Amino acid sequence: MRRTYDSKIELGLDTFGDIQAGPDGQLLGHAQVIRNVIDEGVLADEVDVHCIGLGEHHRPDFAISSPEVLLAAIASRTKRVLCRIPRNGCAPHCQGGKSARHLSFPHEI
């Protein structure tokens, strides 16, 4: 007898916009990494990834210092993927309700 499942698996992505090396071996600049993250968000939407979460760091090895702005850019180019800021101790200034309000409207634009 074959077993069937009604549950759905939801996959998501999280990133801080890690600075990586390009094809030439040189480190990519922050602007290119940010463009890559936006493109990854668009691709995630196209392949039905459930959500994308962006974290915030203010270090030279991470490009994302304002996840709200970057998530708004992703939301303006996508239809289904949920945009979120992972809840952890890295962003104590973020109030959950405020972030939810900021991120709830970009899909309406």
Protein backbone atom coordinates (compact mmCIF):
# COMPACT_ATOMS: atom_id res chain seq x y z
CA MET A 1 0.00 0.00 0.00
CA ARG A 2 1.38 3.38 -0.99
CA ARG A 3 1.49 6.05 1.70
CA THR A 4 0.38 9.58 0.83
CA TYR A 5 0.98 12.76 2.77
CA ASP A 6 -1.21 15.83 2.97
CA SER A 7 1.44 18.02 4.54
CA LYS A 8 3.33 20.58 2.51
CA ILE A 9 7.02 21.32 2.95
CA GLU A 10 7.87 25.02 2.95
CA LEU A 11 11.42 26.01 2.16
CA GLY A 12 13.00 29.37 2.88
CA LEU A 13 16.27 31.21 2.46
CA ASP A 14 18.12 33.39 4.96
CA THR A 15 21.16 35.57 4.30
CA PHE A 16 23.15 38.49 5.62
CA GLY A 17 24.48 39.24 2.13
CA ASP A 18 27.81 37.53 2.66
CA ILE A 19 30.62 39.02 0.59
CA GLN A 20 31.86 36.35 -1.81
CA ALA A 21 34.44 36.06 -4.52
CA GLY A 22 33.42 36.55 -8.12
CA PRO A 23 34.47 34.38 -11.09
CA ASP A 24 37.83 36.16 -11.19
CA GLY A 25 38.57 35.33 -7.55
CA GLN A 26 38.24 38.95 -6.40
CA LEU A 27 35.78 39.88 -3.68
CA LEU A 28 32.53 41.34 -4.98
CA GLY A 29 31.62 44.85 -3.89
CA HIS A 30 28.67 45.51 -1.59
CA ALA A 31 26.58 46.95 -4.45
CA GLN A 32 26.99 43.78 -6.53
CA VAL A 33 26.20 41.53 -3.56
CA ILE A 34 23.01 43.52 -2.93
CA ARG A 35 21.99 43.19 -6.60
CA ASN A 36 22.70 39.45 -6.35
CA VAL A 37 20.49 39.14 -3.24
CA ILE A 38 17.62 40.88 -5.08
CA ASP A 39 18.08 38.50 -8.03
CA GLU A 40 18.10 35.54 -5.61
CA GLY A 41 14.81 36.77 -4.13
CA VAL A 42 13.26 36.98 -7.60
CA LEU A 43 14.52 33.49 -8.45
CA ALA A 44 13.17 32.18 -5.12
CA ASP A 45 9.74 33.49 -6.09
CA GLU A 46 9.94 31.89 -9.53
CA VAL A 47 10.77 28.44 -8.11
CA ASP A 48 8.15 28.66 -5.31
CA VAL A 49 10.44 29.09 -2.32
CA HIS A 50 8.15 30.04 0.58
CA CYS A 51 10.10 32.90 2.16
CA ILE A 52 13.32 34.88 2.10
CA GLY A 53 14.76 36.36 5.26
CA LEU A 54 17.44 39.03 5.36
CA GLY A 55 19.53 39.74 8.42
CA GLU A 56 21.32 42.94 9.31
CA HIS A 57 25.01 43.33 10.08
CA HIS A 58 27.33 46.30 10.05
CA ARG A 59 30.58 44.55 9.18
CA PRO A 60 32.70 44.65 6.04
CA ASP A 61 32.08 40.94 5.29
CA PHE A 62 28.28 41.38 5.05
CA ALA A 63 26.55 43.72 2.58
CA ILE A 64 23.09 44.06 4.17
CA SER A 65 22.85 46.92 6.63
CA SER A 66 19.19 47.78 5.94
CA PRO A 67 17.15 44.62 5.34
CA GLU A 68 13.84 46.51 5.25
CA VAL A 69 14.89 48.48 2.16
CA LEU A 70 16.28 45.42 0.41
CA LEU A 71 13.17 43.35 1.21
CA ALA A 72 11.01 46.13 -0.23
CA ALA A 73 13.06 45.96 -3.44
CA ILE A 74 12.56 42.19 -3.58
CA ALA A 75 8.84 42.48 -2.82
CA SER A 76 8.41 45.00 -5.65
CA ARG A 77 9.66 42.39 -8.14
CA THR A 78 7.95 39.26 -6.76
CA LYS A 79 4.43 37.91 -6.31
CA ARG A 80 4.43 35.04 -3.80
CA VAL A 81 7.62 34.78 -1.76
CA LEU A 82 7.25 36.06 1.80
CA CYS A 83 9.82 38.68 2.76
CA ARG A 84 10.88 38.68 6.38
CA ILE A 85 13.50 39.74 8.88
CA PRO A 86 14.55 36.74 10.98
CA ARG A 87 13.81 37.34 14.65
CA ASN A 88 17.01 37.05 16.62
CA GLY A 89 19.20 39.14 18.87
CA CYS A 90 21.04 40.77 15.96
CA ALA A 91 18.48 43.52 15.43
CA PRO A 92 17.29 44.69 18.85
CA HIS A 93 16.14 48.00 17.38
CA CYS A 94 13.50 46.26 15.24
CA GLN A 95 10.08 46.20 16.78
CA GLY A 96 8.13 43.20 15.49
CA GLY A 97 4.92 45.13 14.78
CA LYS A 98 6.75 47.98 13.11
CA SER A 99 8.71 45.63 10.86
CA ALA A 100 5.53 43.73 10.01
CA ARG A 101 3.81 46.97 8.96
CA HIS A 102 6.82 48.07 6.91
CA LEU A 103 7.02 44.76 5.10
CA SER A 104 3.30 44.14 4.59
CA PHE A 105 2.70 46.78 1.93
CA PRO A 106 5.43 46.42 -0.77
CA HIS A 107 3.50 43.68 -2.63
CA GLU A 108 0.72 46.25 -3.07
CA ILE A 109 3.00 48.67 -4.95
